[in-house]
Amino acid sequence: MSTPYAVHLKASFTGREGVSVHAIALAAAWHRVEGAPPLLASQANLPTQVEANDVFLRRTIAADRIADVWIVPASYPLPPPVPERLNIAHVAFETSRVPHDWIARLFAFDRVWVATEWGRRVLVESGGDETRIDVVPLGVDPDRFSPIGPRATLPETNGRFRFLAVGKYEKRKEIGRAHV
């Protein structure tokens, strides 16, 4: 039985934040999906590893049966798409406008994946082709997070308004500005 296609995932897998977290989560979730095509991952900033894995894929699978998926921040210098392959850019950005030169680089690819409808809307409003954008939500590890588990009890607020922000506490997210 031949494999219909294989996926070559190219991303940063070394960090513990941002795009690295997305790439690691996607690769982990991919392997849990029954019947998913084979996935080969390469560290995007190691050209020799990317090329070695490309050579391996070309020797084992027909070129038109390989999908290249790059998971990168929108500003990352994307390489040119590989002819005869399905080329996908999975991008993350946190702005309400995307510069025109980023749009041109992203839409040199066959498909552009974003994690949210908001991301899709930003790309379209910035000039992206809405027919080539797919929303691929970020996954959740069901072994770690479960809506069926025990409910947490929140502390007494003594009548004061409180809110919960879930995410990494870092300067660029300006969580400190939320103090009233």
C-alpha atoms as a PDB file:
ATOM      1  CA  MET A   1       0.000   0.000   0.000  1.00  0.00           C
ATOM      2  CA  SER A   2       1.466   3.358  -0.984  1.00  0.00           C
ATOM      3  CA  THR A   3       1.236   6.496   1.121  1.00  0.00           C
ATOM      4  CA  PRO A   4      -1.018   9.116  -0.516  1.00  0.00           C
ATOM      5  CA  TYR A   5       1.316  11.893   0.627  1.00  0.00           C
ATOM      6  CA  ALA A   6       3.738  12.850   3.375  1.00  0.00           C
ATOM      7  CA  VAL A   7       4.165  16.072   5.298  1.00  0.00           C
ATOM      8  CA  HIS A   8       7.533  17.758   5.804  1.00  0.00           C
ATOM      9  CA  LEU A   9       7.055  20.079   8.794  1.00  0.00           C
ATOM     10  CA  LYS A  10       9.695  22.820   8.925  1.00  0.00           C
ATOM     11  CA  ALA A  11       9.756  24.948  12.062  1.00  0.00           C
ATOM     12  CA  SER A  12      11.675  25.907  15.165  1.00  0.00           C
ATOM     13  CA  PHE A  13      11.323  23.138  17.722  1.00  0.00           C
ATOM     14  CA  THR A  14      13.917  24.433  20.170  1.00  0.00           C
ATOM     15  CA  GLY A  15      12.128  27.247  21.971  1.00  0.00           C
ATOM     16  CA  ARG A  16       9.640  27.125  24.803  1.00  0.00           C
ATOM     17  CA  GLU A  17       7.459  29.963  23.578  1.00  0.00           C
ATOM     18  CA  GLY A  18       5.621  31.332  20.587  1.00  0.00           C
ATOM     19  CA  VAL A  19       6.028  29.587  17.263  1.00  0.00           C
ATOM     20  CA  SER A  20       8.112  26.756  18.768  1.00  0.00           C
ATOM     21  CA  VAL A  21       5.241  25.849  21.087  1.00  0.00           C
ATOM     22  CA  HIS A  22       2.819  25.855  18.139  1.00  0.00           C
ATOM     23  CA  ALA A  23       5.121  23.632  16.072  1.00  0.00           C
ATOM     24  CA  ILE A  24       5.679  21.141  18.881  1.00  0.00           C
ATOM     25  CA  ALA A  25       1.943  20.986  19.643  1.00  0.00           C
ATOM     26  CA  LEU A  26       1.048  20.463  15.968  1.00  0.00           C
ATOM     27  CA  ALA A  27       3.612  17.667  15.573  1.00  0.00           C
ATOM     28  CA  ALA A  28       2.395  15.958  18.761  1.00  0.00           C
ATOM     29  CA  ALA A  29      -1.264  16.253  17.765  1.00  0.00           C
ATOM     30  CA  TRP A  30      -0.503  15.026  14.244  1.00  0.00           C
ATOM     31  CA  HIS A  31       0.760  11.711  15.572  1.00  0.00           C
ATOM     32  CA  ARG A  32      -2.448  11.179  17.558  1.00  0.00           C
ATOM     33  CA  VAL A  33      -4.694  11.439  14.505  1.00  0.00           C
ATOM     34  CA  GLU A  34      -5.570   8.006  13.221  1.00  0.00           C
ATOM     35  CA  GLY A  35      -4.809   7.639   9.524  1.00  0.00           C
ATOM     36  CA  ALA A  36      -2.817  10.895   9.309  1.00  0.00           C
ATOM     37  CA  PRO A  37      -0.134  10.873   6.621  1.00  0.00           C
ATOM     38  CA  PRO A  38       3.465  10.424   7.763  1.00  0.00           C
ATOM     39  CA  LEU A  39       5.103  13.505   9.222  1.00  0.00           C
ATOM     40  CA  LEU A  40       8.805  14.277   9.050  1.00  0.00           C
ATOM     41  CA  ALA A  41       9.964  17.307  11.051  1.00  0.00           C
ATOM     42  CA  SER A  42      13.013  19.490  10.350  1.00  0.00           C
ATOM     43  CA  GLN A  43      14.536  22.319  12.350  1.00  0.00           C
ATOM     44  CA  ALA A  44      13.866  25.273   9.994  1.00  0.00           C
ATOM     45  CA  ASN A  45      17.081  27.125  10.791  1.00  0.00           C
ATOM     46  CA  LEU A  46      19.273  24.088  10.065  1.00  0.00           C
ATOM     47  CA  PRO A  47      19.456  24.034   6.243  1.00  0.00           C
ATOM     48  CA  THR A  48      21.499  20.809   6.184  1.00  0.00           C
ATOM     49  CA  GLN A  49      18.826  18.988   8.175  1.00  0.00           C
ATOM     50  CA  VAL A  50      16.046  20.386   5.989  1.00  0.00           C
ATOM     51  CA  GLU A  51      17.919  19.322   2.823  1.00  0.00           C
ATOM     52  CA  ALA A  52      18.758  15.852   4.186  1.00  0.00           C
ATOM     53  CA  ASN A  53      15.111  15.249   5.026  1.00  0.00           C
ATOM     54  CA  ASP A  54      14.071  16.586   1.613  1.00  0.00           C
ATOM     55  CA  VAL A  55      16.464  14.111  -0.055  1.00  0.00           C
ATOM     56  CA  PHE A  56      15.022  11.279   2.059  1.00  0.00           C
ATOM     57  CA  LEU A  57      11.464  12.226   1.090  1.00  0.00           C
ATOM     58  CA  ARG A  58      12.325  12.549  -2.611  1.00  0.00           C
ATOM     59  CA  ARG A  59      13.845   9.039  -2.553  1.00  0.00           C
ATOM     60  CA  THR A  60      10.865   7.461  -0.801  1.00  0.00           C
ATOM     61  CA  ILE A  61       7.823   9.435  -1.994  1.00  0.00           C
ATOM     62  CA  ALA A  62       6.941  11.025  -5.337  1.00  0.00           C
ATOM     63  CA  ALA A  63       7.555  14.795  -5.267  1.00  0.00           C
ATOM     64  CA  ASP A  64       3.920  15.607  -6.030  1.00  0.00           C
ATOM     65  CA  ARG A  65       2.938  13.655  -2.912  1.00  0.00           C
ATOM     66  CA  ILE A  66       4.912  15.800  -0.447  1.00  0.00           C
ATOM     67  CA  ALA A  67       3.392  18.741   1.401  1.00  0.00           C
ATOM     68  CA  ASP A  68       5.867  21.259   2.824  1.00  0.00           C
ATOM     69  CA  VAL A  69       4.488  23.033   5.899  1.00  0.00           C
ATOM     70  CA  TRP A  70       6.481  25.968   7.279  1.00  0.00           C
ATOM     71  CA  ILE A  71       5.398  27.159  10.741  1.00  0.00           C
ATOM     72  CA  VAL A  72       6.846  30.626  11.102  1.00  0.00           C
ATOM     73  CA  PRO A  73       6.141  34.120  12.404  1.00  0.00           C
ATOM     74  CA  ALA A  74       4.775  36.239   9.544  1.00  0.00           C
ATOM     75  CA  SER A  75       8.019  38.237   9.407  1.00  0.00           C
ATOM     76  CA  TYR A  76      10.241  35.135   9.018  1.00  0.00           C
ATOM     77  CA  PRO A  77      12.180  35.053   5.729  1.00  0.00           C
ATOM     78  CA  LEU A  78      10.265  32.270   3.989  1.00  0.00           C
ATOM     79  CA  PRO A  79      12.118  30.301   1.328  1.00  0.00           C
ATOM     80  CA  PRO A  80      10.614  30.037  -2.127  1.00  0.00           C
ATOM     81  CA  PRO A  81       7.999  27.286  -2.457  1.00  0.00           C
ATOM     82  CA  VAL A  82       9.208  23.968  -3.857  1.00  0.00           C
ATOM     83  CA  PRO A  83       7.767  23.254  -7.339  1.00  0.00           C
ATOM     84  CA  GLU A  84       5.551  20.167  -7.699  1.00  0.00           C
ATOM     85  CA  ARG A  85       4.721  20.113  -3.970  1.00  0.00           C
ATOM     86  CA  LEU A  86       1.866  21.444  -1.923  1.00  0.00           C
ATOM     87  CA  ASN A  87       3.451  24.413  -0.128  1.00  0.00           C
ATOM     88  CA  ILE A  88       1.836  25.686   3.084  1.00  0.00           C
ATOM     89  CA  ALA A  89       2.838  28.590   5.323  1.00  0.00           C
ATOM     90  CA  HIS A  90       1.407  28.327   8.859  1.00  0.00           C
ATOM     91  CA  VAL A  91       1.829  31.825  10.293  1.00  0.00           C
ATOM     92  CA  ALA A  92       1.404  33.526  13.611  1.00  0.00           C
ATOM     93  CA  PHE A  93       1.249  37.275  14.057  1.00  0.00           C
ATOM     94  CA  GLU A  94      -0.167  39.618  16.663  1.00  0.00           C
ATOM     95  CA  THR A  95      -0.961  42.708  14.641  1.00  0.00           C
ATOM     96  CA  SER A  96      -4.160  43.967  13.060  1.00  0.00           C
ATOM     97  CA  ARG A  97      -2.382  44.731   9.783  1.00  0.00           C
ATOM     98  CA  VAL A  98       0.167  42.706   7.840  1.00  0.00           C
ATOM     99  CA  PRO A  99       2.654  44.599   5.625  1.00  0.00           C
ATOM    100  CA  HIS A 100       2.213  44.197   1.877  1.00  0.00           C
ATOM    101  CA  ASP A 101       5.639  42.535   1.423  1.00  0.00           C
ATOM    102  CA  TRP A 102       4.671  39.841   3.989  1.00  0.00           C
ATOM    103  CA  ILE A 103       1.423  39.218   2.100  1.00  0.00           C
ATOM    104  CA  ALA A 104       3.362  38.784  -1.148  1.00  0.00           C
ATOM    105  CA  ARG A 105       5.750  36.258   0.495  1.00  0.00           C
ATOM    106  CA  LEU A 106       2.954  34.323   2.214  1.00  0.00           C
ATOM    107  CA  PHE A 107       0.769  34.034  -0.872  1.00  0.00           C
ATOM    108  CA  ALA A 108       3.625  32.691  -3.002  1.00  0.00           C
ATOM    109  CA  PHE A 109       2.593  29.496  -1.128  1.00  0.00           C
ATOM    110  CA  ASP A 110      -0.371  27.370  -2.209  1.00  0.00           C
ATOM    111  CA  ARG A 111      -2.150  27.647   1.168  1.00  0.00           C
ATOM    112  CA  VAL A 112      -1.758  29.840   4.233  1.00  0.00           C
ATOM    113  CA  TRP A 113      -2.794  28.470   7.622  1.00  0.00           C
ATOM    114  CA  VAL A 114      -3.717  30.676  10.572  1.00  0.00           C
ATOM    115  CA  ALA A 115      -4.920  29.643  14.038  1.00  0.00           C
ATOM    116  CA  THR A 116      -8.029  31.826  14.302  1.00  0.00           C
ATOM    117  CA  GLU A 117     -10.822  33.485  12.339  1.00  0.00           C
ATOM    118  CA  TRP A 118      -9.334  36.786  13.539  1.00  0.00           C
ATOM    119  CA  GLY A 119      -6.026  35.883  11.832  1.00  0.00           C
ATOM    120  CA  ARG A 120      -7.913  34.997   8.662  1.00  0.00           C
ATOM    121  CA  ARG A 121      -9.763  38.324   8.715  1.00  0.00           C
ATOM    122  CA  VAL A 122      -6.499  40.277   9.245  1.00  0.00           C
ATOM    123  CA  LEU A 123      -4.879  38.558   6.246  1.00  0.00           C
ATOM    124  CA  VAL A 124      -7.902  39.226   4.017  1.00  0.00           C
ATOM    125  CA  GLU A 125      -8.096  42.885   5.124  1.00  0.00           C
ATOM    126  CA  SER A 126      -4.356  43.189   4.414  1.00  0.00           C
ATOM    127  CA  GLY A 127      -4.831  41.955   0.830  1.00  0.00           C
ATOM    128  CA  GLY A 128      -4.528  38.161   1.195  1.00  0.00           C
ATOM    129  CA  ASP A 129      -6.510  35.803  -1.043  1.00  0.00           C
ATOM    130  CA  GLU A 130      -9.343  34.520   1.181  1.00  0.00           C
ATOM    131  CA  THR A 131      -9.784  31.408  -0.973  1.00  0.00           C
ATOM    132  CA  ARG A 132      -6.292  30.191   0.002  1.00  0.00           C
ATOM    133  CA  ILE A 133      -6.484  30.762   3.771  1.00  0.00           C
ATOM    134  CA  ASP A 134      -7.364  27.913   6.134  1.00  0.00           C
ATOM    135  CA  VAL A 135      -8.060  28.236   9.850  1.00  0.00           C
ATOM    136  CA  VAL A 136      -6.168  25.446  11.626  1.00  0.00           C
ATOM    137  CA  PRO A 137      -6.862  25.936  15.351  1.00  0.00           C
ATOM    138  CA  LEU A 138      -4.119  25.274  17.852  1.00  0.00           C
ATOM    139  CA  GLY A 139      -4.556  21.915  19.519  1.00  0.00           C
ATOM    140  CA  VAL A 140      -5.097  21.049  23.144  1.00  0.00           C
ATOM    141  CA  ASP A 141      -3.491  18.044  24.810  1.00  0.00           C
ATOM    142  CA  PRO A 142      -6.564  16.103  25.993  1.00  0.00           C
ATOM    143  CA  ASP A 143      -4.406  14.097  28.394  1.00  0.00           C
ATOM    144  CA  ARG A 144      -3.500  17.297  30.229  1.00  0.00           C
ATOM    145  CA  PHE A 145      -6.578  19.509  29.828  1.00  0.00           C
ATOM    146  CA  SER A 146     -10.096  18.159  30.119  1.00  0.00           C
ATOM    147  CA  PRO A 147     -13.429  19.958  30.336  1.00  0.00           C
ATOM    148  CA  ILE A 148     -14.776  16.940  32.231  1.00  0.00           C
ATOM    149  CA  GLY A 149     -12.260  17.137  35.103  1.00  0.00           C
ATOM    150  CA  PRO A 150     -12.857  18.632  38.530  1.00  0.00           C
ATOM    151  CA  ARG A 151     -13.914  22.286  38.623  1.00  0.00           C
ATOM    152  CA  ALA A 152     -11.662  24.775  40.346  1.00  0.00           C
ATOM    153  CA  THR A 153     -13.058  26.908  43.136  1.00  0.00           C
ATOM    154  CA  LEU A 154     -12.187  30.566  42.742  1.00  0.00           C
ATOM    155  CA  PRO A 155     -11.170  32.574  45.811  1.00  0.00           C
ATOM    156  CA  GLU A 156     -13.612  35.009  47.428  1.00  0.00           C
ATOM    157  CA  THR A 157     -13.369  38.434  45.756  1.00  0.00           C
ATOM    158  CA  ASN A 158     -14.952  40.485  48.574  1.00  0.00           C
ATOM    159  CA  GLY A 159     -17.071  42.270  45.994  1.00  0.00           C
ATOM    160  CA  ARG A 160     -14.091  43.369  43.892  1.00  0.00           C
ATOM    161  CA  PHE A 161     -13.911  42.741  40.163  1.00  0.00           C
ATOM    162  CA  ARG A 162     -11.242  40.206  39.208  1.00  0.00           C
ATOM    163  CA  PHE A 163     -10.243  38.707  35.891  1.00  0.00           C
ATOM    164  CA  LEU A 164      -8.035  35.865  34.809  1.00  0.00           C
ATOM    165  CA  ALA A 165      -5.527  36.167  31.978  1.00  0.00           C
ATOM    166  CA  VAL A 166      -4.180  32.866  30.722  1.00  0.00           C
ATOM    167  CA  GLY A 167      -0.919  33.100  28.825  1.00  0.00           C
ATOM    168  CA  LYS A 168       2.718  33.849  29.213  1.00  0.00           C
ATOM    169  CA  TYR A 169       3.405  36.919  31.338  1.00  0.00           C
ATOM    170  CA  GLU A 170       5.817  38.990  29.288  1.00  0.00           C
ATOM    171  CA  LYS A 171       6.424  42.654  28.587  1.00  0.00           C
ATOM    172  CA  ARG A 172       5.283  42.626  24.947  1.00  0.00           C
ATOM    173  CA  LYS A 173       1.796  41.439  25.976  1.00  0.00           C
ATOM    174  CA  GLU A 174       1.442  44.472  28.278  1.00  0.00           C
ATOM    175  CA  ILE A 175      -0.572  42.596  30.877  1.00  0.00           C
ATOM    176  CA  GLY A 176       0.669  45.146  33.453  1.00  0.00           C
ATOM    177  CA  ARG A 177      -1.330  47.868  31.669  1.00  0.00           C
ATOM    178  CA  ALA A 178      -4.544  46.062  32.658  1.00  0.00           C
ATOM    179  CA  HIS A 179      -4.144  47.218  36.280  1.00  0.00           C
ATOM    180  CA  VAL A 180      -6.823  49.727  37.212  1.00  0.00           C
END
